[in-house]
PDB file of N, CA and C in Angstrom:
ATOM      1  N   MET A   1       6.721  14.837   9.719  1.00  0.00           N
ATOM      2  CA  MET A   1       6.027  15.285   8.540  1.00  0.00           C
ATOM      3  C   MET A   1       6.062  14.200   7.456  1.00  0.00           C
ATOM      4  N   TYR A   2       7.214  13.529   7.296  1.00  0.00           N
ATOM      5  CA  TYR A   2       7.335  12.496   6.261  1.00  0.00           C
ATOM      6  C   TYR A   2       7.335  11.120   6.918  1.00  0.00           C
ATOM      7  N   ASN A   3       6.150  10.532   6.986  1.00  0.00           N
ATOM      8  CA  ASN A   3       6.022   9.198   7.548  1.00  0.00           C
ATOM      9  C   ASN A   3       5.817   8.205   6.405  1.00  0.00           C
ATOM     10  N   ILE A   4       5.276   7.062   6.703  1.00  0.00           N
ATOM     11  CA  ILE A   4       5.009   6.065   5.661  1.00  0.00           C
ATOM     12  C   ILE A   4       4.012   6.661   4.654  1.00  0.00           C
ATOM     13  N   PRO A   5       4.293   6.571   3.370  1.00  0.00           N
ATOM     14  CA  PRO A   5       3.430   7.176   2.361  1.00  0.00           C
ATOM     15  C   PRO A   5       2.030   6.572   2.351  1.00  0.00           C
ATOM     16  N   LYS A   6       1.076   7.381   1.885  1.00  0.00           N
ATOM     17  CA  LYS A   6      -0.314   6.935   1.820  1.00  0.00           C
ATOM     18  C   LYS A   6      -0.467   5.705   0.952  1.00  0.00           C
ATOM     19  N   LEU A   7       0.385   5.579  -0.067  1.00  0.00           N
ATOM     20  CA  LEU A   7       0.287   4.442  -0.962  1.00  0.00           C
ATOM     21  C   LEU A   7       0.495   3.121  -0.220  1.00  0.00           C
ATOM     22  N   LEU A   8       1.348   3.117   0.803  1.00  0.00           N
ATOM     23  CA  LEU A   8       1.574   1.886   1.569  1.00  0.00           C
ATOM     24  C   LEU A   8       0.532   1.701   2.666  1.00  0.00           C
ATOM     25  N   ARG A   9      -0.087   2.807   3.131  1.00  0.00           N
ATOM     26  CA  ARG A   9      -1.100   2.697   4.175  1.00  0.00           C
ATOM     27  C   ARG A   9      -2.393   2.106   3.642  1.00  0.00           C
ATOM     28  N   ARG A  10      -2.593   2.084   2.347  1.00  0.00           N
ATOM     29  CA  ARG A  10      -3.829   1.556   1.782  1.00  0.00           C
ATOM     30  C   ARG A  10      -3.968   0.054   2.016  1.00  0.00           C
ATOM     31  N   GLY A  11      -2.894  -0.633   2.344  1.00  0.00           N
ATOM     32  CA  GLY A  11      -2.974  -2.062   2.631  1.00  0.00           C
ATOM     33  C   GLY A  11      -3.901  -2.316   3.819  1.00  0.00           C
ATOM     34  N   GLY A  12      -3.883  -1.430   4.814  1.00  0.00           N
ATOM     35  CA  GLY A  12      -4.785  -1.562   5.966  1.00  0.00           C
ATOM     36  C   GLY A  12      -6.232  -1.433   5.555  1.00  0.00           C
ATOM     37  N   VAL A  13      -6.521  -0.553   4.601  1.00  0.00           N
ATOM     38  CA  VAL A  13      -7.867  -0.395   4.096  1.00  0.00           C
ATOM     39  C   VAL A  13      -8.314  -1.675   3.397  1.00  0.00           C
ATOM     40  N   ALA A  14      -7.415  -2.297   2.633  1.00  0.00           N
ATOM     41  CA  ALA A  14      -7.749  -3.541   1.924  1.00  0.00           C
ATOM     42  C   ALA A  14      -8.056  -4.645   2.929  1.00  0.00           C
ATOM     43  N   ILE A  15      -7.287  -4.740   3.998  1.00  0.00           N
ATOM     44  CA  ILE A  15      -7.529  -5.767   5.008  1.00  0.00           C
ATOM     45  C   ILE A  15      -8.873  -5.542   5.686  1.00  0.00           C
ATOM     46  N   PHE A  16      -9.186  -4.279   6.006  1.00  0.00           N
ATOM     47  CA  PHE A  16     -10.468  -3.954   6.623  1.00  0.00           C
ATOM     48  C   PHE A  16     -11.628  -4.292   5.685  1.00  0.00           C
ATOM     49  N   ALA A  17     -11.484  -3.959   4.397  1.00  0.00           N
ATOM     50  CA  ALA A  17     -12.530  -4.251   3.419  1.00  0.00           C
ATOM     51  C   ALA A  17     -12.757  -5.749   3.309  1.00  0.00           C
ATOM     52  N   THR A  18     -11.675  -6.534   3.332  1.00  0.00           N
ATOM     53  CA  THR A  18     -11.821  -7.981   3.279  1.00  0.00           C
ATOM     54  C   THR A  18     -12.585  -8.486   4.483  1.00  0.00           C
ATOM     55  N   TRP A  19     -12.273  -7.972   5.660  1.00  0.00           N
ATOM     56  CA  TRP A  19     -12.974  -8.370   6.868  1.00  0.00           C
ATOM     57  C   TRP A  19     -14.451  -7.985   6.785  1.00  0.00           C
ATOM     58  N   ALA A  20     -14.741  -6.762   6.285  1.00  0.00           N
ATOM     59  CA  ALA A  20     -16.124  -6.310   6.190  1.00  0.00           C
ATOM     60  C   ALA A  20     -16.931  -7.196   5.235  1.00  0.00           C
ATOM     61  N   VAL A  21     -16.357  -7.554   4.100  1.00  0.00           N
ATOM     62  CA  VAL A  21     -17.040  -8.431   3.147  1.00  0.00           C
ATOM     63  C   VAL A  21     -17.289  -9.791   3.796  1.00  0.00           C
ATOM     64  N   TYR A  22     -16.311 -10.306   4.494  1.00  0.00           N
ATOM     65  CA  TYR A  22     -16.462 -11.590   5.172  1.00  0.00           C
ATOM     66  C   TYR A  22     -17.603 -11.527   6.175  1.00  0.00           C
ATOM     67  N   GLU A  23     -17.640 -10.487   6.973  1.00  0.00           N
ATOM     68  CA  GLU A  23     -18.699 -10.364   7.984  1.00  0.00           C
ATOM     69  C   GLU A  23     -20.063 -10.231   7.324  1.00  0.00           C
ATOM     70  N   TYR A  24     -20.157  -9.478   6.245  1.00  0.00           N
ATOM     71  CA  TYR A  24     -21.426  -9.343   5.534  1.00  0.00           C
ATOM     72  C   TYR A  24     -21.878 -10.694   5.012  1.00  0.00           C
ATOM     73  N   LEU A  25     -20.970 -11.439   4.386  1.00  0.00           N
ATOM     74  CA  LEU A  25     -21.330 -12.755   3.857  1.00  0.00           C
ATOM     75  C   LEU A  25     -21.700 -13.735   4.966  1.00  0.00           C
ATOM     76  N   ALA A  26     -21.052 -13.618   6.099  1.00  0.00           N
ATOM     77  CA  ALA A  26     -21.345 -14.505   7.210  1.00  0.00           C
ATOM     78  C   ALA A  26     -22.761 -14.298   7.737  1.00  0.00           C
ATOM     79  N   VAL A  27     -23.306 -13.099   7.598  1.00  0.00           N
ATOM     80  CA  VAL A  27     -24.639 -12.790   8.078  1.00  0.00           C
ATOM     81  C   VAL A  27     -25.693 -12.978   7.013  1.00  0.00           C
ATOM     82  N   HIS A  28     -25.429 -12.534   5.793  1.00  0.00           N
ATOM     83  CA  HIS A  28     -26.446 -12.466   4.761  1.00  0.00           C
ATOM     84  C   HIS A  28     -26.350 -13.525   3.674  1.00  0.00           C
ATOM     85  N   SER A  29     -25.364 -14.380   3.720  1.00  0.00           N
ATOM     86  CA  SER A  29     -25.153 -15.357   2.658  1.00  0.00           C
ATOM     87  C   SER A  29     -26.026 -16.586   2.851  1.00  0.00           C
ATOM     88  N   PRO A  30     -26.496 -17.197   1.740  1.00  0.00           N
ATOM     89  CA  PRO A  30     -27.207 -18.449   1.896  1.00  0.00           C
ATOM     90  C   PRO A  30     -26.287 -19.591   2.360  1.00  0.00           C
ATOM     91  N   TRP A  31     -24.988 -19.356   2.305  1.00  0.00           N
ATOM     92  CA  TRP A  31     -23.999 -20.360   2.741  1.00  0.00           C
ATOM     93  C   TRP A  31     -23.477 -20.037   4.136  1.00  0.00           C
ATOM     94  N   LYS A  32     -24.356 -19.559   5.009  1.00  0.00           N
ATOM     95  CA  LYS A  32     -23.939 -19.183   6.365  1.00  0.00           C
ATOM     96  C   LYS A  32     -23.205 -20.324   7.077  1.00  0.00           C
ATOM     97  N   GLN A  33     -23.663 -21.518   6.871  1.00  0.00           N
ATOM     98  CA  GLN A  33     -23.057 -22.642   7.590  1.00  0.00           C
ATOM     99  C   GLN A  33     -21.587 -22.766   7.288  1.00  0.00           C
ATOM    100  N   ALA A  34     -21.182 -22.485   6.056  1.00  0.00           N
ATOM    101  CA  ALA A  34     -19.773 -22.578   5.685  1.00  0.00           C
ATOM    102  C   ALA A  34     -18.956 -21.519   6.431  1.00  0.00           C
ATOM    103  N   PHE A  35     -19.556 -20.354   6.670  1.00  0.00           N
ATOM    104  CA  PHE A  35     -18.839 -19.281   7.353  1.00  0.00           C
ATOM    105  C   PHE A  35     -18.823 -19.489   8.849  1.00  0.00           C
ATOM    106  N   ILE A  36     -19.853 -20.089   9.393  1.00  0.00           N
ATOM    107  CA  ILE A  36     -19.981 -20.190  10.841  1.00  0.00           C
ATOM    108  C   ILE A  36     -19.393 -21.486  11.383  1.00  0.00           C
ATOM    109  N   PHE A  37     -19.687 -22.623  10.732  1.00  0.00           N
ATOM    110  CA  PHE A  37     -19.304 -23.931  11.272  1.00  0.00           C
ATOM    111  C   PHE A  37     -18.185 -24.557  10.451  1.00  0.00           C
ATOM    112  N   GLY A  38     -16.954 -24.382  10.889  1.00  0.00           N
ATOM    113  CA  GLY A  38     -15.847 -25.140  10.349  1.00  0.00           C
ATOM    114  C   GLY A  38     -15.299 -24.715   8.994  1.00  0.00           C
ATOM    115  N   GLY A  39     -15.863 -23.727   8.370  1.00  0.00           N
ATOM    116  CA  GLY A  39     -15.389 -23.345   7.051  1.00  0.00           C
ATOM    117  C   GLY A  39     -14.389 -22.190   7.092  1.00  0.00           C
ATOM    118  N   TRP A  40     -13.944 -21.806   8.266  1.00  0.00           N
ATOM    119  CA  TRP A  40     -13.059 -20.660   8.402  1.00  0.00           C
ATOM    120  C   TRP A  40     -11.806 -20.753   7.549  1.00  0.00           C
ATOM    121  N   GLY A  41     -11.125 -21.865   7.617  1.00  0.00           N
ATOM    122  CA  GLY A  41      -9.856 -22.003   6.927  1.00  0.00           C
ATOM    123  C   GLY A  41      -9.984 -21.800   5.434  1.00  0.00           C
ATOM    124  N   TYR A  42     -10.950 -22.481   4.822  1.00  0.00           N
ATOM    125  CA  TYR A  42     -11.108 -22.378   3.378  1.00  0.00           C
ATOM    126  C   TYR A  42     -11.764 -21.089   2.971  1.00  0.00           C
ATOM    127  N   THR A  43     -12.682 -20.597   3.786  1.00  0.00           N
ATOM    128  CA  THR A  43     -13.413 -19.381   3.459  1.00  0.00           C
ATOM    129  C   THR A  43     -12.492 -18.167   3.495  1.00  0.00           C
ATOM    130  N   MET A  44     -11.601 -18.118   4.471  1.00  0.00           N
ATOM    131  CA  MET A  44     -10.730 -16.938   4.609  1.00  0.00           C
ATOM    132  C   MET A  44      -9.462 -17.050   3.756  1.00  0.00           C
ATOM    133  N   ALA A  45      -9.147 -18.211   3.248  1.00  0.00           N
ATOM    134  CA  ALA A  45      -7.898 -18.381   2.476  1.00  0.00           C
ATOM    135  C   ALA A  45      -7.899 -17.519   1.226  1.00  0.00           C
ATOM    136  N   ILE A  46      -8.985 -17.504   0.502  1.00  0.00           N
ATOM    137  CA  ILE A  46      -9.010 -16.764  -0.772  1.00  0.00           C
ATOM    138  C   ILE A  46      -8.863 -15.263  -0.532  1.00  0.00           C
ATOM    139  N   PRO A  47      -9.629 -14.627   0.350  1.00  0.00           N
ATOM    140  CA  PRO A  47      -9.423 -13.177   0.560  1.00  0.00           C
ATOM    141  C   PRO A  47      -8.044 -12.842   1.120  1.00  0.00           C
ATOM    142  N   VAL A  48      -7.511 -13.683   1.985  1.00  0.00           N
ATOM    143  CA  VAL A  48      -6.187 -13.402   2.559  1.00  0.00           C
ATOM    144  C   VAL A  48      -5.131 -13.491   1.478  1.00  0.00           C
ATOM    145  N   VAL A  49      -5.191 -14.497   0.647  1.00  0.00           N
ATOM    146  CA  VAL A  49      -4.230 -14.626  -0.460  1.00  0.00           C
ATOM    147  C   VAL A  49      -4.377 -13.455  -1.421  1.00  0.00           C
ATOM    148  N   ALA A  50      -5.608 -13.057  -1.702  1.00  0.00           N
ATOM    149  CA  ALA A  50      -5.838 -11.921  -2.611  1.00  0.00           C
ATOM    150  C   ALA A  50      -5.258 -10.645  -2.060  1.00  0.00           C
ATOM    151  N   VAL A  51      -5.442 -10.374  -0.769  1.00  0.00           N
ATOM    152  CA  VAL A  51      -4.885  -9.149  -0.164  1.00  0.00           C
ATOM    153  C   VAL A  51      -3.367  -9.199  -0.166  1.00  0.00           C
ATOM    154  N   LEU A  52      -2.781 -10.354   0.166  1.00  0.00           N
ATOM    155  CA  LEU A  52      -1.317 -10.467   0.164  1.00  0.00           C
ATOM    156  C   LEU A  52      -0.763 -10.287  -1.247  1.00  0.00           C
ATOM    157  N   ALA A  53      -1.424 -10.859  -2.236  1.00  0.00           N
ATOM    158  CA  ALA A  53      -0.958 -10.709  -3.615  1.00  0.00           C
ATOM    159  C   ALA A  53      -1.063  -9.250  -4.062  1.00  0.00           C
ATOM    160  N   TRP A  54      -2.176  -8.593  -3.747  1.00  0.00           N
ATOM    161  CA  TRP A  54      -2.332  -7.188  -4.115  1.00  0.00           C
ATOM    162  C   TRP A  54      -1.273  -6.334  -3.434  1.00  0.00           C
ATOM    163  N   THR A  55      -1.031  -6.577  -2.154  1.00  0.00           N
ATOM    164  CA  THR A  55      -0.029  -5.801  -1.431  1.00  0.00           C
ATOM    165  C   THR A  55       1.367  -6.009  -2.028  1.00  0.00           C
ATOM    166  N   GLY A  56       1.704  -7.245  -2.332  1.00  0.00           N
ATOM    167  CA  GLY A  56       2.998  -7.516  -2.946  1.00  0.00           C
ATOM    168  C   GLY A  56       3.161  -6.851  -4.296  1.00  0.00           C
ATOM    169  N   LEU A  57       2.128  -6.902  -5.128  1.00  0.00           N
ATOM    170  CA  LEU A  57       2.197  -6.255  -6.423  1.00  0.00           C
ATOM    171  C   LEU A  57       2.316  -4.740  -6.275  1.00  0.00           C
ATOM    172  N   ARG A  58       1.587  -4.173  -5.324  1.00  0.00           N
ATOM    173  CA  ARG A  58       1.615  -2.717  -5.113  1.00  0.00           C
ATOM    174  C   ARG A  58       3.015  -2.276  -4.624  1.00  0.00           C
ATOM    175  N   ILE A  59       3.596  -3.028  -3.708  1.00  0.00           N
ATOM    176  CA  ILE A  59       4.922  -2.682  -3.189  1.00  0.00           C
ATOM    177  C   ILE A  59       5.960  -2.795  -4.307  1.00  0.00           C
ATOM    178  N   ASN A  60       5.862  -3.831  -5.126  1.00  0.00           N
ATOM    179  CA  ASN A  60       6.798  -3.960  -6.240  1.00  0.00           C
ATOM    180  C   ASN A  60       6.629  -2.823  -7.255  1.00  0.00           C
ATOM    181  N   TYR A  61       5.389  -2.375  -7.473  1.00  0.00           N
ATOM    182  CA  TYR A  61       5.149  -1.230  -8.363  1.00  0.00           C
ATOM    183  C   TYR A  61       5.821   0.029  -7.790  1.00  0.00           C
ATOM    184  N   ILE A  62       5.666   0.235  -6.493  1.00  0.00           N
ATOM    185  CA  ILE A  62       6.271   1.417  -5.844  1.00  0.00           C
ATOM    186  C   ILE A  62       7.788   1.312  -5.932  1.00  0.00           C
ATOM    187  N   ARG A  63       8.338   0.131  -5.670  1.00  0.00           N
ATOM    188  CA  ARG A  63       9.799  -0.054  -5.785  1.00  0.00           C
ATOM    189  C   ARG A  63      10.301   0.301  -7.173  1.00  0.00           C
ATOM    190  N   ARG A  64       9.605  -0.178  -8.202  1.00  0.00           N
ATOM    191  CA  ARG A  64      10.028   0.124  -9.590  1.00  0.00           C
ATOM    192  C   ARG A  64       9.983   1.608  -9.886  1.00  0.00           C
ATOM    193  N   LYS A  65       8.903   2.283  -9.447  1.00  0.00           N
ATOM    194  CA  LYS A  65       8.768   3.735  -9.700  1.00  0.00           C
ATOM    195  C   LYS A  65       9.881   4.512  -8.967  1.00  0.00           C
ATOM    196  N   VAL A  66      10.163   4.145  -7.714  1.00  0.00           N
ATOM    197  CA  VAL A  66      11.191   4.848  -6.935  1.00  0.00           C
ATOM    198  C   VAL A  66      12.562   4.564  -7.521  1.00  0.00           C
ATOM    199  N   LYS A  67      12.817   3.314  -7.919  1.00  0.00           N
ATOM    200  CA  LYS A  67      14.111   2.993  -8.518  1.00  0.00           C
ATOM    201  C   LYS A  67      14.303   3.737  -9.840  1.00  0.00           C
ATOM    202  N   ALA A  68      13.268   3.851 -10.645  1.00  0.00           N
ATOM    203  CA  ALA A  68      13.350   4.566 -11.928  1.00  0.00           C
ATOM    204  C   ALA A  68      13.641   6.055 -11.695  1.00  0.00           C
ATOM    205  N   ALA A  69      13.181   6.568 -10.561  1.00  0.00           N
ATOM    206  CA  ALA A  69      13.416   7.986 -10.229  1.00  0.00           C
ATOM    207  C   ALA A  69      14.675   8.164  -9.395  1.00  0.00           C
ATOM    208  N   ASP A  70      15.473   7.122  -9.237  1.00  0.00           N
ATOM    209  CA  ASP A  70      16.706   7.165  -8.434  1.00  0.00           C
ATOM    210  C   ASP A  70      16.443   7.616  -6.994  1.00  0.00           C
ATOM    211  N   GLY A  71      15.312   7.200  -6.422  1.00  0.00           N
ATOM    212  CA  GLY A  71      14.975   7.567  -5.054  1.00  0.00           C
ATOM    213  C   GLY A  71      14.399   8.955  -4.909  1.00  0.00           C
ATOM    214  N   LEU A  72      14.235   9.668  -6.004  1.00  0.00           N
ATOM    215  CA  LEU A  72      13.707  11.022  -5.958  1.00  0.00           C
ATOM    216  C   LEU A  72      12.251  11.020  -6.420  1.00  0.00           C
ATOM    217  N   ALA A  73      11.408  10.311  -5.704  1.00  0.00           N
ATOM    218  CA  ALA A  73       9.977  10.239  -6.032  1.00  0.00           C
ATOM    219  C   ALA A  73       9.191  10.906  -4.926  1.00  0.00           C
ATOM    220  N   CYS A  74       8.109  11.573  -5.304  1.00  0.00           N
ATOM    221  CA  CYS A  74       7.243  12.217  -4.332  1.00  0.00           C
ATOM    222  C   CYS A  74       6.712  11.166  -3.363  1.00  0.00           C
ATOM    223  N   LEU A  75       6.614  11.516  -2.108  1.00  0.00           N
ATOM    224  CA  LEU A  75       6.168  10.569  -1.090  1.00  0.00           C
ATOM    225  C   LEU A  75       4.671  10.268  -1.169  1.00  0.00           C
ATOM    226  N   GLU A  76       3.925  11.109  -1.841  1.00  0.00           N
ATOM    227  CA  GLU A  76       2.487  10.895  -1.937  1.00  0.00           C
ATOM    228  C   GLU A  76       2.062  10.304  -3.270  1.00  0.00           C
ATOM    229  N   CYS A  77       2.570  10.819  -4.384  1.00  0.00           N
ATOM    230  CA  CYS A  77       2.063  10.407  -5.708  1.00  0.00           C
ATOM    231  C   CYS A  77       3.094   9.712  -6.560  1.00  0.00           C
ATOM    232  N   LEU A  78       4.331   9.553  -6.103  1.00  0.00           N
ATOM    233  CA  LEU A  78       5.430   8.896  -6.812  1.00  0.00           C
ATOM    234  C   LEU A  78       5.906   9.666  -8.047  1.00  0.00           C
ATOM    235  N   TYR A  79       5.589  10.938  -8.142  1.00  0.00           N
ATOM    236  CA  TYR A  79       6.061  11.759  -9.257  1.00  0.00           C
ATOM    237  C   TYR A  79       7.586  11.892  -9.167  1.00  0.00           C
ATOM    238  N   CYS A  80       8.262  11.758 -10.299  1.00  0.00           N
ATOM    239  CA  CYS A  80       9.724  11.848 -10.321  1.00  0.00           C
ATOM    240  C   CYS A  80      10.154  13.281 -10.072  1.00  0.00           C
ATOM    241  N   LEU A  81      10.939  13.496  -9.020  1.00  0.00           N
ATOM    242  CA  LEU A  81      11.378  14.841  -8.632  1.00  0.00           C
ATOM    243  C   LEU A  81      12.771  15.164  -9.181  1.00  0.00           C
ATOM    244  N   ARG A  82      13.327  14.282 -10.015  1.00  0.00           N
ATOM    245  CA  ARG A  82      14.657  14.499 -10.579  1.00  0.00           C
ATOM    246  C   ARG A  82      14.627  15.756 -11.447  1.00  0.00           C
ATOM    247  N   GLY A  83      15.609  16.605 -11.253  1.00  0.00           N
ATOM    248  CA  GLY A  83      15.725  17.837 -12.051  1.00  0.00           C
ATOM    249  C   GLY A  83      14.991  19.013 -11.465  1.00  0.00           C
ATOM    250  N   LEU A  84      14.267  18.814 -10.361  1.00  0.00           N
ATOM    251  CA  LEU A  84      13.557  19.937  -9.731  1.00  0.00           C
ATOM    252  C   LEU A  84      14.414  20.517  -8.624  1.00  0.00           C
ATOM    253  N   GLU A  85      13.952  21.624  -8.051  1.00  0.00           N
ATOM    254  CA  GLU A  85      14.640  22.281  -6.954  1.00  0.00           C
ATOM    255  C   GLU A  85      14.814  21.310  -5.780  1.00  0.00           C
ATOM    256  N   PRO A  86      15.844  21.512  -4.924  1.00  0.00           N
ATOM    257  CA  PRO A  86      16.032  20.627  -3.766  1.00  0.00           C
ATOM    258  C   PRO A  86      14.895  20.672  -2.762  1.00  0.00           C
ATOM    259  N   CYS A  87      14.208  21.789  -2.684  1.00  0.00           N
ATOM    260  CA  CYS A  87      13.052  21.930  -1.802  1.00  0.00           C
ATOM    261  C   CYS A  87      11.937  22.610  -2.608  1.00  0.00           C
ATOM    262  N   GLY A  88      10.725  22.216  -2.336  1.00  0.00           N
ATOM    263  CA  GLY A  88       9.608  22.834  -3.048  1.00  0.00           C
ATOM    264  C   GLY A  88       8.363  22.007  -2.912  1.00  0.00           C
ATOM    265  N   LYS A  89       7.422  22.195  -3.853  1.00  0.00           N
ATOM    266  CA  LYS A  89       6.190  21.449  -3.884  1.00  0.00           C
ATOM    267  C   LYS A  89       6.151  20.570  -5.112  1.00  0.00           C
ATOM    268  N   CYS A  90       5.591  19.386  -4.946  1.00  0.00           N
ATOM    269  CA  CYS A  90       5.475  18.447  -6.054  1.00  0.00           C
ATOM    270  C   CYS A  90       4.534  19.057  -7.095  1.00  0.00           C
ATOM    271  N   PRO A  91       4.938  19.092  -8.362  1.00  0.00           N
ATOM    272  CA  PRO A  91       4.089  19.657  -9.394  1.00  0.00           C
ATOM    273  C   PRO A  91       2.824  18.830  -9.640  1.00  0.00           C
ATOM    274  N   GLU A  92       2.858  17.572  -9.282  1.00  0.00           N
ATOM    275  CA  GLU A  92       1.712  16.691  -9.548  1.00  0.00           C
ATOM    276  C   GLU A  92       0.632  16.830  -8.463  1.00  0.00           C
ATOM    277  N   CYS A  93       1.021  16.756  -7.175  1.00  0.00           N
ATOM    278  CA  CYS A  93       0.024  16.727  -6.112  1.00  0.00           C
ATOM    279  C   CYS A  93       0.127  17.910  -5.141  1.00  0.00           C
ATOM    280  N   GLY A  94       1.216  18.693  -5.221  1.00  0.00           N
ATOM    281  CA  GLY A  94       1.347  19.855  -4.344  1.00  0.00           C
ATOM    282  C   GLY A  94       1.909  19.576  -2.969  1.00  0.00           C
ATOM    283  N   THR A  95       2.365  18.346  -2.723  1.00  0.00           N
ATOM    284  CA  THR A  95       2.939  18.005  -1.431  1.00  0.00           C
ATOM    285  C   THR A  95       4.338  18.617  -1.303  1.00  0.00           C
ATOM    286  N   PRO A  96       4.607  19.293  -0.170  1.00  0.00           N
ATOM    287  CA  PRO A  96       5.961  19.832  -0.019  1.00  0.00           C
ATOM    288  C   PRO A  96       6.989  18.720   0.114  1.00  0.00           C
ATOM    289  N   TYR A  97       8.168  18.928  -0.430  1.00  0.00           N
ATOM    290  CA  TYR A  97       9.236  17.924  -0.363  1.00  0.00           C
ATOM    291  C   TYR A  97      10.557  18.585  -0.094  1.00  0.00           C
ATOM    292  N   ASP A  98      11.476  17.795   0.432  1.00  0.00           N
ATOM    293  CA  ASP A  98      12.854  18.184   0.647  1.00  0.00           C
ATOM    294  C   ASP A  98      13.683  16.967   0.245  1.00  0.00           C
ATOM    295  N   ILE A  99      14.567  17.126  -0.728  1.00  0.00           N
ATOM    296  CA  ILE A  99      15.334  16.007  -1.240  1.00  0.00           C
ATOM    297  C   ILE A  99      16.161  15.336  -0.140  1.00  0.00           C
ATOM    298  N   LYS A 100      16.614  16.134   0.852  1.00  0.00           N
ATOM    299  CA  LYS A 100      17.392  15.564   1.960  1.00  0.00           C
ATOM    300  C   LYS A 100      16.550  14.610   2.795  1.00  0.00           C
ATOM    301  N   VAL A 101      15.239  14.730   2.720  1.00  0.00           N
ATOM    302  CA  VAL A 101      14.334  13.857   3.484  1.00  0.00           C
ATOM    303  C   VAL A 101      13.775  12.747   2.612  1.00  0.00           C
ATOM    304  N   VAL A 102      13.512  13.039   1.339  1.00  0.00           N
ATOM    305  CA  VAL A 102      12.841  12.084   0.448  1.00  0.00           C
ATOM    306  C   VAL A 102      13.660  10.823   0.244  1.00  0.00           C
ATOM    307  N   VAL A 103      14.935  10.954  -0.101  1.00  0.00           N
ATOM    308  CA  VAL A 103      15.759   9.787  -0.415  1.00  0.00           C
ATOM    309  C   VAL A 103      15.921   8.858   0.808  1.00  0.00           C
ATOM    310  N   PRO A 104      16.275   9.384   1.997  1.00  0.00           N
ATOM    311  CA  PRO A 104      16.386   8.485   3.162  1.00  0.00           C
ATOM    312  C   PRO A 104      15.033   7.845   3.537  1.00  0.00           C
ATOM    313  N   THR A 105      13.953   8.598   3.336  1.00  0.00           N
ATOM    314  CA  THR A 105      12.630   8.044   3.665  1.00  0.00           C
ATOM    315  C   THR A 105      12.302   6.855   2.777  1.00  0.00           C
ATOM    316  N   TRP A 106      12.512   7.006   1.459  1.00  0.00           N
ATOM    317  CA  TRP A 106      12.256   5.891   0.555  1.00  0.00           C
ATOM    318  C   TRP A 106      13.183   4.714   0.839  1.00  0.00           C
ATOM    319  N   THR A 107      14.422   5.004   1.191  1.00  0.00           N
ATOM    320  CA  THR A 107      15.353   3.912   1.519  1.00  0.00           C
ATOM    321  C   THR A 107      14.851   3.139   2.722  1.00  0.00           C
ATOM    322  N   ARG A 108      14.430   3.847   3.759  1.00  0.00           N
ATOM    323  CA  ARG A 108      13.946   3.190   4.986  1.00  0.00           C
ATOM    324  C   ARG A 108      12.635   2.446   4.741  1.00  0.00           C
ATOM    325  N   VAL A 109      11.695   3.071   4.039  1.00  0.00           N
ATOM    326  CA  VAL A 109      10.388   2.458   3.834  1.00  0.00           C
ATOM    327  C   VAL A 109      10.510   1.189   2.985  1.00  0.00           C
ATOM    328  N   LEU A 110      11.274   1.249   1.907  1.00  0.00           N
ATOM    329  CA  LEU A 110      11.369   0.098   1.026  1.00  0.00           C
ATOM    330  C   LEU A 110      12.237  -1.017   1.608  1.00  0.00           C
ATOM    331  N   ARG A 111      13.166  -0.665   2.478  1.00  0.00           N
ATOM    332  CA  ARG A 111      13.965  -1.696   3.162  1.00  0.00           C
ATOM    333  C   ARG A 111      13.092  -2.470   4.133  1.00  0.00           C
ATOM    334  N   ASN A 112      12.140  -1.798   4.761  1.00  0.00           N
ATOM    335  CA  ASN A 112      11.263  -2.440   5.756  1.00  0.00           C
ATOM    336  C   ASN A 112       9.988  -2.987   5.147  1.00  0.00           C
ATOM    337  N   ALA A 113       9.821  -2.898   3.839  1.00  0.00           N
ATOM    338  CA  ALA A 113       8.598  -3.414   3.202  1.00  0.00           C
ATOM    339  C   ALA A 113       8.574  -4.933   3.350  1.00  0.00           C
ATOM    340  N   PRO A 114       7.348  -5.489   3.509  1.00  0.00           N
ATOM    341  CA  PRO A 114       7.270  -6.925   3.790  1.00  0.00           C
ATOM    342  C   PRO A 114       7.590  -7.818   2.616  1.00  0.00           C
ATOM    343  N   PHE A 115       7.567  -7.331   1.398  1.00  0.00           N
ATOM    344  CA  PHE A 115       7.818  -8.188   0.239  1.00  0.00           C
ATOM    345  C   PHE A 115       9.087  -7.765  -0.486  1.00  0.00           C
TER     346      PHE A 115
END
C-alpha cells in the first residue's frame, strides 16, 4: 500500500517529456541536421542536465519538508502529520496513513534517493 510516493515518481514523467520534446524537434525542427547527424551529445546535454537539476531540487525539497515534520509527513502531499492520531486520513489529501508505516517508509525512500 505504501510504495514510493507520487512526488518521486514524477521524475519518470519528466524524463519521458524530455524524450518526447527531443523526438518532436528531431522531426519538425529546421535544425534537423543537428539532431540527426552528430549533434546528439550537445543536443541532449541541456535537457538531461535540466532534468537532473530539477530532480535534485525536488528531492531536496522533499527532504526538507520531511525533516521539518520529523518524518511524520503524508506520503502523497507532504502534509505534516505531527499531533494527529496514529492512524487515520490525511486532512490535506485524504490518503490513509499509519505512523508505524510512514516513518520507516520515508527513512527508506530518502536513504535510497539518488541525490
